[in-house]
Amino acid sequence: MSAPTTPHPASSPSPTLTPRTPAAGRLDWRLRFAVLSAIWGFSFLLIKVGTEAYAPFQVALGRVFFGALALLAVLVIRREALPRGRRTWAHLTVAALLLNALPFSLFAYAELSIPSSLAGICNATSPLWGMALSLVALSEDRPTRRRFAGLGLGFLGVLTVLGAWQGFSGIDAKGTLLALLAALSYPIGWIYIRRTMASTPGSPLALTSAQLLIATLQLAGVSALFTSAPTSFPLWPTLSVIALGTLGTGMALRMQYGLVTEVGPTTAQMVTYFIPVIATTAGVLLLNEQLHWNTPVGAVIVLAGAALSQPRRH
């Protein structure tokens, strides 16, 4: 769902994040990879359930709040401190907006009118947006025929999902656009981090904890201005928001850090390609969302394009 806050995000090579032998007693990385895929895949279902009782801004607020609590608990256990320096916190404020407050809110608003499965597929376009933006913003990302082909194939997949040949009938244009904008926000945030925080001291865990704290303050202010306080706290929507924050935002990022460190960023980032499959399956089986043939076919094309658009690793 969201990239880890580190000067070298999982979508780019990192000299500081090299594979290492897993610690004794740690679960096999393949099992943790599967769990992470499931957590992020089910996040779209949790958003959908959360919006049944809470305003989208409130769902996003609960998500970052409980995610921050989860990571802060890990920081306390590990006796790590939050990052210091005005410059670091200023950059984290921008990162919190681009990687948390904005996309989380947009996805929640999008799911008021589109299925959770479609939101999950829109999320899979993030690598495509990232490739297109990095060609302009990052000089080290050079265009190749293979990557251009992947970009074109990916957006062909988006048109297939949306049923472009039918005039996009049956698709809520506003909700779909919000979900695509949310997916676009992630690579903008990643590029900002790579440009501004390449030499920032501090562990990814400490930086992301601080980022989620800032996002909590941002969304608390927005929620206070534009929404009314909830008058009740229904069980399932409330549990969904808590799970979305604690598992889908806090512990999932912690799990991804471990995968990046153990097996490298190339393998770890492949979790992106499993998210829409799980999101679609969960939406159809648990929320009774309708599934037309063009949705899974388009999703496969999107994922194939995203895979081709990524730079080769050596």
C-alpha atoms as a PDB file:
ATOM      1  CA  MET A   1       0.000   0.000   0.000  1.00  0.00           C
ATOM      2  CA  SER A   2       2.638   2.506   0.916  1.00  0.00           C
ATOM      3  CA  ALA A   3       6.335   2.615   0.564  1.00  0.00           C
ATOM      4  CA  PRO A   4       8.624   2.500   3.556  1.00  0.00           C
ATOM      5  CA  THR A   5      10.038   5.834   4.593  1.00  0.00           C
ATOM      6  CA  THR A   6      13.706   5.416   3.993  1.00  0.00           C
ATOM      7  CA  PRO A   7      16.193   7.340   1.863  1.00  0.00           C
ATOM      8  CA  HIS A   8      16.318   4.246  -0.336  1.00  0.00           C
ATOM      9  CA  PRO A   9      12.766   2.941  -0.703  1.00  0.00           C
ATOM     10  CA  ALA A  10      12.100  -0.630  -1.644  1.00  0.00           C
ATOM     11  CA  SER A  11      11.332   0.423  -5.216  1.00  0.00           C
ATOM     12  CA  SER A  12      14.931   1.452  -5.808  1.00  0.00           C
ATOM     13  CA  PRO A  13      18.370  -0.114  -5.364  1.00  0.00           C
ATOM     14  CA  SER A  14      19.905   0.510  -1.972  1.00  0.00           C
ATOM     15  CA  PRO A  15      23.518  -0.006  -0.962  1.00  0.00           C
ATOM     16  CA  THR A  16      22.474  -0.111   2.686  1.00  0.00           C
ATOM     17  CA  LEU A  17      19.802  -2.777   2.323  1.00  0.00           C
ATOM     18  CA  THR A  18      21.572  -5.943   1.268  1.00  0.00           C
ATOM     19  CA  PRO A  19      20.316  -9.489   1.693  1.00  0.00           C
ATOM     20  CA  ARG A  20      21.527 -11.262   4.814  1.00  0.00           C
ATOM     21  CA  THR A  21      21.058 -14.581   6.503  1.00  0.00           C
ATOM     22  CA  PRO A  22      17.812 -14.702   8.519  1.00  0.00           C
ATOM     23  CA  ALA A  23      18.084 -14.756  12.278  1.00  0.00           C
ATOM     24  CA  ALA A  24      17.550 -18.038  14.079  1.00  0.00           C
ATOM     25  CA  GLY A  25      13.912 -18.655  14.917  1.00  0.00           C
ATOM     26  CA  ARG A  26      12.575 -16.213  12.324  1.00  0.00           C
ATOM     27  CA  LEU A  27       9.814 -17.443  10.040  1.00  0.00           C
ATOM     28  CA  ASP A  28      10.852 -18.294   6.496  1.00  0.00           C
ATOM     29  CA  TRP A  29      10.778 -15.180   4.299  1.00  0.00           C
ATOM     30  CA  ARG A  30       8.349 -16.841   1.854  1.00  0.00           C
ATOM     31  CA  LEU A  31       5.784 -17.225   4.596  1.00  0.00           C
ATOM     32  CA  ARG A  32       6.254 -13.624   5.701  1.00  0.00           C
ATOM     33  CA  PHE A  33       5.985 -12.519   2.069  1.00  0.00           C
ATOM     34  CA  ALA A  34       2.644 -14.339   1.787  1.00  0.00           C
ATOM     35  CA  VAL A  35       1.391 -12.802   5.034  1.00  0.00           C
ATOM     36  CA  LEU A  36       2.390  -9.311   3.895  1.00  0.00           C
ATOM     37  CA  SER A  37       0.630  -9.815   0.556  1.00  0.00           C
ATOM     38  CA  ALA A  38      -2.521 -10.920   2.367  1.00  0.00           C
ATOM     39  CA  ILE A  39      -2.444  -8.011   4.820  1.00  0.00           C
ATOM     40  CA  TRP A  40      -2.100  -5.384   2.115  1.00  0.00           C
ATOM     41  CA  GLY A  41      -4.536  -7.183  -0.170  1.00  0.00           C
ATOM     42  CA  PHE A  42      -7.209  -7.227   2.541  1.00  0.00           C
ATOM     43  CA  SER A  43      -6.575  -3.560   3.353  1.00  0.00           C
ATOM     44  CA  PHE A  44      -8.970  -2.472   0.614  1.00  0.00           C
ATOM     45  CA  LEU A  45     -11.732  -4.607   2.096  1.00  0.00           C
ATOM     46  CA  LEU A  46     -11.035  -3.076   5.524  1.00  0.00           C
ATOM     47  CA  ILE A  47     -11.283   0.424   4.046  1.00  0.00           C
ATOM     48  CA  LYS A  48     -14.640  -0.470   2.515  1.00  0.00           C
ATOM     49  CA  VAL A  49     -15.994  -1.767   5.818  1.00  0.00           C
ATOM     50  CA  GLY A  50     -14.608   1.213   7.714  1.00  0.00           C
ATOM     51  CA  THR A  51     -16.367   3.729   5.474  1.00  0.00           C
ATOM     52  CA  GLU A  52     -19.712   2.118   6.316  1.00  0.00           C
ATOM     53  CA  ALA A  53     -19.636   3.913   9.678  1.00  0.00           C
ATOM     54  CA  TYR A  54     -16.926   6.576   9.461  1.00  0.00           C
ATOM     55  CA  ALA A  55     -16.124   9.451   7.132  1.00  0.00           C
ATOM     56  CA  PRO A  56     -13.184   8.811   4.773  1.00  0.00           C
ATOM     57  CA  PHE A  57     -10.957  11.294   6.608  1.00  0.00           C
ATOM     58  CA  GLN A  58     -11.745   9.489   9.855  1.00  0.00           C
ATOM     59  CA  VAL A  59     -10.845   6.118   8.354  1.00  0.00           C
ATOM     60  CA  ALA A  60      -7.532   7.555   7.165  1.00  0.00           C
ATOM     61  CA  LEU A  61      -6.949   9.157  10.575  1.00  0.00           C
ATOM     62  CA  GLY A  62      -7.578   5.898  12.415  1.00  0.00           C
ATOM     63  CA  ARG A  63      -5.285   4.124  10.014  1.00  0.00           C
ATOM     64  CA  VAL A  64      -2.248   6.353  10.626  1.00  0.00           C
ATOM     65  CA  PHE A  65      -2.990   6.687  14.362  1.00  0.00           C
ATOM     66  CA  PHE A  66      -3.058   2.955  15.052  1.00  0.00           C
ATOM     67  CA  GLY A  67      -0.171   2.416  12.651  1.00  0.00           C
ATOM     68  CA  ALA A  68       1.901   4.972  14.553  1.00  0.00           C
ATOM     69  CA  LEU A  69       1.042   3.305  17.867  1.00  0.00           C
ATOM     70  CA  ALA A  70       2.194  -0.069  16.542  1.00  0.00           C
ATOM     71  CA  LEU A  71       5.535   1.255  15.309  1.00  0.00           C
ATOM     72  CA  LEU A  72       6.136   3.362  18.417  1.00  0.00           C
ATOM     73  CA  ALA A  73       5.652   0.235  20.522  1.00  0.00           C
ATOM     74  CA  VAL A  74       8.380  -1.475  18.486  1.00  0.00           C
ATOM     75  CA  LEU A  75      10.627   1.577  18.916  1.00  0.00           C
ATOM     76  CA  VAL A  76      10.178   1.440  22.675  1.00  0.00           C
ATOM     77  CA  ILE A  77      10.982  -2.283  22.757  1.00  0.00           C
ATOM     78  CA  ARG A  78      14.096  -1.720  20.637  1.00  0.00           C
ATOM     79  CA  ARG A  79      15.005   1.415  22.611  1.00  0.00           C
ATOM     80  CA  GLU A  80      15.303   3.502  19.473  1.00  0.00           C
ATOM     81  CA  ALA A  81      14.699   7.239  19.422  1.00  0.00           C
ATOM     82  CA  LEU A  82      12.729   9.281  16.930  1.00  0.00           C
ATOM     83  CA  PRO A  83      14.806  11.227  14.400  1.00  0.00           C
ATOM     84  CA  ARG A  84      16.077  14.697  15.259  1.00  0.00           C
ATOM     85  CA  GLY A  85      16.612  17.878  13.300  1.00  0.00           C
ATOM     86  CA  ARG A  86      14.232  20.440  11.853  1.00  0.00           C
ATOM     87  CA  ARG A  87      15.262  19.611   8.311  1.00  0.00           C
ATOM     88  CA  THR A  88      14.444  15.929   8.784  1.00  0.00           C
ATOM     89  CA  TRP A  89      11.033  16.660  10.302  1.00  0.00           C
ATOM     90  CA  ALA A  90      10.272  19.199   7.567  1.00  0.00           C
ATOM     91  CA  HIS A  91      10.931  16.603   4.859  1.00  0.00           C
ATOM     92  CA  LEU A  92       8.975  13.989   6.796  1.00  0.00           C
ATOM     93  CA  THR A  93       6.022  16.386   6.875  1.00  0.00           C
ATOM     94  CA  VAL A  94       5.939  16.419   3.078  1.00  0.00           C
ATOM     95  CA  ALA A  95       6.458  12.647   2.964  1.00  0.00           C
ATOM     96  CA  ALA A  96       3.591  12.117   5.431  1.00  0.00           C
ATOM     97  CA  LEU A  97       1.273  14.092   3.161  1.00  0.00           C
ATOM     98  CA  LEU A  98       2.296  12.322  -0.050  1.00  0.00           C
ATOM     99  CA  LEU A  99       2.681   8.762   1.259  1.00  0.00           C
ATOM    100  CA  ASN A 100       0.033   8.604   3.973  1.00  0.00           C
ATOM    101  CA  ALA A 101      -2.479  11.406   4.529  1.00  0.00           C
ATOM    102  CA  LEU A 102      -3.304  12.067   0.878  1.00  0.00           C
ATOM    103  CA  PRO A 103      -3.423   8.530  -0.612  1.00  0.00           C
ATOM    104  CA  PHE A 104      -5.144   7.012   2.424  1.00  0.00           C
ATOM    105  CA  SER A 105      -7.846   9.673   2.262  1.00  0.00           C
ATOM    106  CA  LEU A 106      -8.239   9.353  -1.506  1.00  0.00           C
ATOM    107  CA  PHE A 107      -8.629   5.572  -1.347  1.00  0.00           C
ATOM    108  CA  ALA A 108     -11.223   5.911   1.416  1.00  0.00           C
ATOM    109  CA  TYR A 109     -13.212   8.464  -0.593  1.00  0.00           C
ATOM    110  CA  ALA A 110     -12.866   6.353  -3.742  1.00  0.00           C
ATOM    111  CA  GLU A 111     -14.343   3.298  -2.031  1.00  0.00           C
ATOM    112  CA  LEU A 112     -17.518   5.187  -1.252  1.00  0.00           C
ATOM    113  CA  SER A 113     -18.448   4.650  -4.895  1.00  0.00           C
ATOM    114  CA  ILE A 114     -16.221   1.933  -6.378  1.00  0.00           C
ATOM    115  CA  PRO A 115     -15.642  -1.708  -5.330  1.00  0.00           C
ATOM    116  CA  SER A 116     -12.684  -2.517  -3.106  1.00  0.00           C
ATOM    117  CA  SER A 117     -11.427  -4.840  -5.850  1.00  0.00           C
ATOM    118  CA  LEU A 118     -11.193  -1.953  -8.328  1.00  0.00           C
ATOM    119  CA  ALA A 119      -9.377   0.163  -5.740  1.00  0.00           C
ATOM    120  CA  GLY A 120      -6.841  -2.633  -5.298  1.00  0.00           C
ATOM    121  CA  ILE A 121      -6.255  -2.812  -9.040  1.00  0.00           C
ATOM    122  CA  CYS A 122      -5.831   0.965  -9.242  1.00  0.00           C
ATOM    123  CA  ASN A 123      -3.200   0.659  -6.516  1.00  0.00           C
ATOM    124  CA  ALA A 124      -1.255  -1.694  -8.792  1.00  0.00           C
ATOM    125  CA  THR A 125      -0.713   1.161 -11.261  1.00  0.00           C
ATOM    126  CA  SER A 126       1.652   2.824  -8.785  1.00  0.00           C
ATOM    127  CA  PRO A 127       4.816   1.281 -10.344  1.00  0.00           C
ATOM    128  CA  LEU A 128       3.665   2.545 -13.743  1.00  0.00           C
ATOM    129  CA  TRP A 129       3.240   6.090 -12.468  1.00  0.00           C
ATOM    130  CA  GLY A 130       6.587   5.760 -10.727  1.00  0.00           C
ATOM    131  CA  MET A 131       8.340   4.719 -13.929  1.00  0.00           C
ATOM    132  CA  ALA A 132       6.818   7.594 -15.899  1.00  0.00           C
ATOM    133  CA  LEU A 133       7.731  10.155 -13.236  1.00  0.00           C
ATOM    134  CA  SER A 134      11.234   8.824 -12.583  1.00  0.00           C
ATOM    135  CA  LEU A 135      12.160   9.229 -16.248  1.00  0.00           C
ATOM    136  CA  VAL A 136      11.587  12.948 -15.778  1.00  0.00           C
ATOM    137  CA  ALA A 137      12.633  13.515 -12.174  1.00  0.00           C
ATOM    138  CA  LEU A 138      15.487  11.033 -11.660  1.00  0.00           C
ATOM    139  CA  SER A 139      18.420  11.216 -14.049  1.00  0.00           C
ATOM    140  CA  GLU A 140      19.677   7.741 -13.052  1.00  0.00           C
ATOM    141  CA  ASP A 141      16.508   6.085 -14.355  1.00  0.00           C
ATOM    142  CA  ARG A 142      17.141   5.904 -18.064  1.00  0.00           C
ATOM    143  CA  PRO A 143      14.360   4.978 -20.480  1.00  0.00           C
ATOM    144  CA  THR A 144      14.631   1.725 -22.414  1.00  0.00           C
ATOM    145  CA  ARG A 145      12.416   0.110 -25.028  1.00  0.00           C
ATOM    146  CA  ARG A 146      11.478  -2.578 -22.524  1.00  0.00           C
ATOM    147  CA  ARG A 147      10.374  -0.055 -19.906  1.00  0.00           C
ATOM    148  CA  PHE A 148       8.431   2.034 -22.411  1.00  0.00           C
ATOM    149  CA  ALA A 149       6.703  -1.131 -23.601  1.00  0.00           C
ATOM    150  CA  GLY A 150       5.805  -1.953 -20.001  1.00  0.00           C
ATOM    151  CA  LEU A 151       4.385   1.518 -19.468  1.00  0.00           C
ATOM    152  CA  GLY A 152       2.213   1.277 -22.559  1.00  0.00           C
ATOM    153  CA  LEU A 153       1.092  -2.247 -21.709  1.00  0.00           C
ATOM    154  CA  GLY A 154       0.201  -1.213 -18.165  1.00  0.00           C
ATOM    155  CA  PHE A 155      -2.023   1.628 -19.188  1.00  0.00           C
ATOM    156  CA  LEU A 156      -3.642  -0.601 -21.806  1.00  0.00           C
ATOM    157  CA  GLY A 157      -4.498  -2.834 -18.875  1.00  0.00           C
ATOM    158  CA  VAL A 158      -6.056   0.124 -17.036  1.00  0.00           C
ATOM    159  CA  LEU A 159      -8.279   0.833 -20.047  1.00  0.00           C
ATOM    160  CA  THR A 160      -9.247  -2.846 -20.113  1.00  0.00           C
ATOM    161  CA  VAL A 161     -10.222  -2.806 -16.443  1.00  0.00           C
ATOM    162  CA  LEU A 162     -12.325   0.314 -16.999  1.00  0.00           C
ATOM    163  CA  GLY A 163     -14.011  -1.082 -20.130  1.00  0.00           C
ATOM    164  CA  ALA A 164     -12.932   1.778 -22.387  1.00  0.00           C
ATOM    165  CA  TRP A 165     -14.534   0.171 -25.480  1.00  0.00           C
ATOM    166  CA  GLN A 166     -17.904   0.453 -23.734  1.00  0.00           C
ATOM    167  CA  GLY A 167     -17.468   4.122 -22.961  1.00  0.00           C
ATOM    168  CA  PHE A 168     -16.539   3.335 -19.329  1.00  0.00           C
ATOM    169  CA  SER A 169     -20.169   2.429 -18.649  1.00  0.00           C
ATOM    170  CA  GLY A 170     -20.837   1.021 -15.192  1.00  0.00           C
ATOM    171  CA  ILE A 171     -17.678   2.614 -13.758  1.00  0.00           C
ATOM    172  CA  ASP A 172     -17.875   5.531 -11.353  1.00  0.00           C
ATOM    173  CA  ALA A 173     -15.486   7.996 -12.960  1.00  0.00           C
ATOM    174  CA  LYS A 174     -14.948  10.134  -9.857  1.00  0.00           C
ATOM    175  CA  GLY A 175     -14.182   7.209  -7.555  1.00  0.00           C
ATOM    176  CA  THR A 176     -11.848   5.597 -10.077  1.00  0.00           C
ATOM    177  CA  LEU A 177     -10.014   8.875 -10.644  1.00  0.00           C
ATOM    178  CA  LEU A 178      -9.530   9.322  -6.888  1.00  0.00           C
ATOM    179  CA  ALA A 179      -8.063   5.806  -6.605  1.00  0.00           C
ATOM    180  CA  LEU A 180      -5.692   6.439  -9.520  1.00  0.00           C
ATOM    181  CA  LEU A 181      -4.608   9.748  -7.959  1.00  0.00           C
ATOM    182  CA  ALA A 182      -3.912   7.888  -4.714  1.00  0.00           C
ATOM    183  CA  ALA A 183      -1.699   5.439  -6.618  1.00  0.00           C
ATOM    184  CA  LEU A 184       0.061   8.402  -8.262  1.00  0.00           C
ATOM    185  CA  SER A 185       0.751  10.008  -4.890  1.00  0.00           C
ATOM    186  CA  TYR A 186       2.996   7.146  -3.759  1.00  0.00           C
ATOM    187  CA  PRO A 187       5.733   7.469  -6.424  1.00  0.00           C
ATOM    188  CA  ILE A 188       5.712  11.257  -6.046  1.00  0.00           C
ATOM    189  CA  GLY A 189       6.463  10.686  -2.373  1.00  0.00           C
ATOM    190  CA  TRP A 190       9.172   8.130  -3.141  1.00  0.00           C
ATOM    191  CA  ILE A 191      10.883  10.482  -5.573  1.00  0.00           C
ATOM    192  CA  TYR A 192      10.707  13.317  -3.037  1.00  0.00           C
ATOM    193  CA  ILE A 193      12.384  11.112  -0.423  1.00  0.00           C
ATOM    194  CA  ARG A 194      15.140  10.025  -2.805  1.00  0.00           C
ATOM    195  CA  ARG A 195      15.867  13.644  -3.698  1.00  0.00           C
ATOM    196  CA  THR A 196      15.791  15.109  -0.186  1.00  0.00           C
ATOM    197  CA  MET A 197      16.615  12.390   2.351  1.00  0.00           C
ATOM    198  CA  ALA A 198      19.375  10.330   0.736  1.00  0.00           C
ATOM    199  CA  SER A 199      21.796  11.003   3.611  1.00  0.00           C
ATOM    200  CA  THR A 200      19.327  11.364   6.472  1.00  0.00           C
ATOM    201  CA  PRO A 201      20.479   9.496   9.596  1.00  0.00           C
ATOM    202  CA  GLY A 202      18.111   7.162  11.395  1.00  0.00           C
ATOM    203  CA  SER A 203      16.611   3.745  10.846  1.00  0.00           C
ATOM    204  CA  PRO A 204      13.656   3.239   8.469  1.00  0.00           C
ATOM    205  CA  LEU A 205      11.575   2.242  11.497  1.00  0.00           C
ATOM    206  CA  ALA A 206      12.269   5.499  13.349  1.00  0.00           C
ATOM    207  CA  LEU A 207      11.716   7.626  10.246  1.00  0.00           C
ATOM    208  CA  THR A 208       8.418   5.958   9.394  1.00  0.00           C
ATOM    209  CA  SER A 209       7.209   6.179  12.997  1.00  0.00           C
ATOM    210  CA  ALA A 210       7.823   9.912  12.901  1.00  0.00           C
ATOM    211  CA  GLN A 211       6.132  10.158   9.510  1.00  0.00           C
ATOM    212  CA  LEU A 212       2.991   8.412  10.766  1.00  0.00           C
ATOM    213  CA  LEU A 213       2.909  10.697  13.808  1.00  0.00           C
ATOM    214  CA  ILE A 214       2.963  13.711  11.501  1.00  0.00           C
ATOM    215  CA  ALA A 215       0.286  12.180   9.261  1.00  0.00           C
ATOM    216  CA  THR A 216      -1.860  11.656  12.362  1.00  0.00           C
ATOM    217  CA  LEU A 217      -1.613  15.353  13.202  1.00  0.00           C
ATOM    218  CA  GLN A 218      -2.366  16.322   9.596  1.00  0.00           C
ATOM    219  CA  LEU A 219      -5.458  14.152   9.370  1.00  0.00           C
ATOM    220  CA  ALA A 220      -6.629  15.080  12.865  1.00  0.00           C
ATOM    221  CA  GLY A 221      -6.718  18.722  11.779  1.00  0.00           C
ATOM    222  CA  VAL A 222      -8.486  17.956   8.503  1.00  0.00           C
ATOM    223  CA  SER A 223     -11.012  15.676  10.191  1.00  0.00           C
ATOM    224  CA  ALA A 224     -11.800  18.304  12.814  1.00  0.00           C
ATOM    225  CA  LEU A 225     -12.466  20.887  10.106  1.00  0.00           C
ATOM    226  CA  PHE A 226     -14.459  18.821   7.611  1.00  0.00           C
ATOM    227  CA  THR A 227     -16.167  16.021   9.532  1.00  0.00           C
ATOM    228  CA  SER A 228     -18.350  15.638  12.596  1.00  0.00           C
ATOM    229  CA  ALA A 229     -17.294  13.432  15.477  1.00  0.00           C
ATOM    230  CA  PRO A 230     -18.840   9.955  15.232  1.00  0.00           C
ATOM    231  CA  THR A 231     -21.831   9.418  17.493  1.00  0.00           C
ATOM    232  CA  SER A 232     -21.357   5.655  17.703  1.00  0.00           C
ATOM    233  CA  PHE A 233     -18.642   3.082  17.189  1.00  0.00           C
ATOM    234  CA  PRO A 234     -20.072   0.008  15.423  1.00  0.00           C
ATOM    235  CA  LEU A 235     -18.058  -3.127  16.092  1.00  0.00           C
ATOM    236  CA  TRP A 236     -16.988  -4.302  12.640  1.00  0.00           C
ATOM    237  CA  PRO A 237     -16.139  -0.902  11.107  1.00  0.00           C
ATOM    238  CA  THR A 238     -14.202  -0.008  14.259  1.00  0.00           C
ATOM    239  CA  LEU A 239     -12.271  -3.285  14.260  1.00  0.00           C
ATOM    240  CA  SER A 240     -11.597  -2.814  10.541  1.00  0.00           C
ATOM    241  CA  VAL A 241     -10.012   0.601  11.098  1.00  0.00           C
ATOM    242  CA  ILE A 242      -7.930  -0.699  14.006  1.00  0.00           C
ATOM    243  CA  ALA A 243      -6.722  -3.653  11.924  1.00  0.00           C
ATOM    244  CA  LEU A 244      -6.083  -1.391   8.946  1.00  0.00           C
ATOM    245  CA  GLY A 245      -3.778   0.760  11.050  1.00  0.00           C
ATOM    246  CA  THR A 246      -2.124  -1.786  13.320  1.00  0.00           C
ATOM    247  CA  LEU A 247      -1.610  -4.528  10.731  1.00  0.00           C
ATOM    248  CA  GLY A 248      -2.007  -2.923   7.308  1.00  0.00           C
ATOM    249  CA  THR A 249       0.043   0.187   8.060  1.00  0.00           C
ATOM    250  CA  GLY A 250       2.185  -0.347  11.146  1.00  0.00           C
ATOM    251  CA  MET A 251       3.253  -3.975  11.310  1.00  0.00           C
ATOM    252  CA  ALA A 252       3.121  -4.484   7.533  1.00  0.00           C
ATOM    253  CA  LEU A 253       5.782  -1.818   7.048  1.00  0.00           C
ATOM    254  CA  ARG A 254       7.858  -3.380   9.805  1.00  0.00           C
ATOM    255  CA  MET A 255       7.528  -6.750   8.052  1.00  0.00           C
ATOM    256  CA  GLN A 256       8.547  -5.238   4.736  1.00  0.00           C
ATOM    257  CA  TYR A 257      11.727  -3.781   6.251  1.00  0.00           C
ATOM    258  CA  GLY A 258      12.706  -7.270   7.344  1.00  0.00           C
ATOM    259  CA  LEU A 259      12.068  -8.683   3.876  1.00  0.00           C
ATOM    260  CA  VAL A 260      14.066  -5.932   2.169  1.00  0.00           C
ATOM    261  CA  THR A 261      16.976  -6.542   4.517  1.00  0.00           C
ATOM    262  CA  GLU A 262      16.866 -10.317   4.139  1.00  0.00           C
ATOM    263  CA  VAL A 263      16.084 -10.918   0.461  1.00  0.00           C
ATOM    264  CA  GLY A 264      16.714  -7.501  -1.107  1.00  0.00           C
ATOM    265  CA  PRO A 265      14.419  -4.781  -2.467  1.00  0.00           C
ATOM    266  CA  THR A 266      13.818  -6.470  -5.830  1.00  0.00           C
ATOM    267  CA  THR A 267      12.173  -9.537  -4.333  1.00  0.00           C
ATOM    268  CA  ALA A 268      10.440  -7.636  -1.535  1.00  0.00           C
ATOM    269  CA  GLN A 269       8.747  -5.172  -3.879  1.00  0.00           C
ATOM    270  CA  MET A 270       7.115  -8.023  -5.820  1.00  0.00           C
ATOM    271  CA  VAL A 271       4.458  -8.020  -3.112  1.00  0.00           C
ATOM    272  CA  THR A 272       2.873  -5.246  -5.191  1.00  0.00           C
ATOM    273  CA  TYR A 273       1.845  -7.774  -7.841  1.00  0.00           C
ATOM    274  CA  PHE A 274      -0.083  -9.981  -5.416  1.00  0.00           C
ATOM    275  CA  ILE A 275      -2.103  -7.197  -3.764  1.00  0.00           C
ATOM    276  CA  PRO A 276      -4.754  -6.746  -6.524  1.00  0.00           C
ATOM    277  CA  VAL A 277      -5.271 -10.509  -6.777  1.00  0.00           C
ATOM    278  CA  ILE A 278      -6.015 -10.778  -3.056  1.00  0.00           C
ATOM    279  CA  ALA A 279      -8.038  -7.541  -3.011  1.00  0.00           C
ATOM    280  CA  THR A 280     -10.221  -8.778  -5.874  1.00  0.00           C
ATOM    281  CA  THR A 281     -10.717 -12.220  -4.338  1.00  0.00           C
ATOM    282  CA  ALA A 282     -11.626 -10.726  -0.946  1.00  0.00           C
ATOM    283  CA  GLY A 283     -14.059  -8.253  -2.488  1.00  0.00           C
ATOM    284  CA  VAL A 284     -15.863 -10.894  -4.510  1.00  0.00           C
ATOM    285  CA  LEU A 285     -16.031 -13.586  -1.828  1.00  0.00           C
ATOM    286  CA  LEU A 286     -16.613 -11.490   1.299  1.00  0.00           C
ATOM    287  CA  LEU A 287     -18.365  -8.359   0.015  1.00  0.00           C
ATOM    288  CA  ASN A 288     -20.226  -9.963  -2.908  1.00  0.00           C
ATOM    289  CA  GLU A 289     -18.751  -7.463  -5.361  1.00  0.00           C
ATOM    290  CA  GLN A 290     -19.482  -8.122  -9.019  1.00  0.00           C
ATOM    291  CA  LEU A 291     -16.627  -9.252 -11.220  1.00  0.00           C
ATOM    292  CA  HIS A 292     -16.731  -8.918 -14.998  1.00  0.00           C
ATOM    293  CA  TRP A 293     -14.265 -10.641 -17.290  1.00  0.00           C
ATOM    294  CA  ASN A 294     -12.410  -7.439 -18.154  1.00  0.00           C
ATOM    295  CA  THR A 295     -11.451  -6.784 -14.511  1.00  0.00           C
ATOM    296  CA  PRO A 296      -9.156  -9.810 -13.949  1.00  0.00           C
ATOM    297  CA  VAL A 297      -7.900  -9.712 -17.552  1.00  0.00           C
ATOM    298  CA  GLY A 298      -7.057  -6.015 -17.254  1.00  0.00           C
ATOM    299  CA  ALA A 299      -5.429  -6.589 -13.867  1.00  0.00           C
ATOM    300  CA  VAL A 300      -3.107  -9.213 -15.356  1.00  0.00           C
ATOM    301  CA  ILE A 301      -2.138  -6.786 -18.147  1.00  0.00           C
ATOM    302  CA  VAL A 302      -1.510  -4.018 -15.591  1.00  0.00           C
ATOM    303  CA  LEU A 303       0.745  -6.274 -13.524  1.00  0.00           C
ATOM    304  CA  ALA A 304       2.642  -7.467 -16.589  1.00  0.00           C
ATOM    305  CA  GLY A 305       3.221  -3.873 -17.642  1.00  0.00           C
ATOM    306  CA  ALA A 306       4.325  -2.903 -14.134  1.00  0.00           C
ATOM    307  CA  ALA A 307       6.834  -5.762 -14.083  1.00  0.00           C
ATOM    308  CA  LEU A 308       8.271  -4.759 -17.466  1.00  0.00           C
ATOM    309  CA  SER A 309       8.492  -1.093 -16.517  1.00  0.00           C
ATOM    310  CA  GLN A 310      10.792  -1.737 -13.574  1.00  0.00           C
ATOM    311  CA  PRO A 311      14.535  -1.358 -14.119  1.00  0.00           C
ATOM    312  CA  ARG A 312      16.560  -4.546 -14.355  1.00  0.00           C
ATOM    313  CA  ARG A 313      18.513  -5.493 -11.221  1.00  0.00           C
ATOM    314  CA  HIS A 314      22.022  -6.877 -11.259  1.00  0.00           C
END
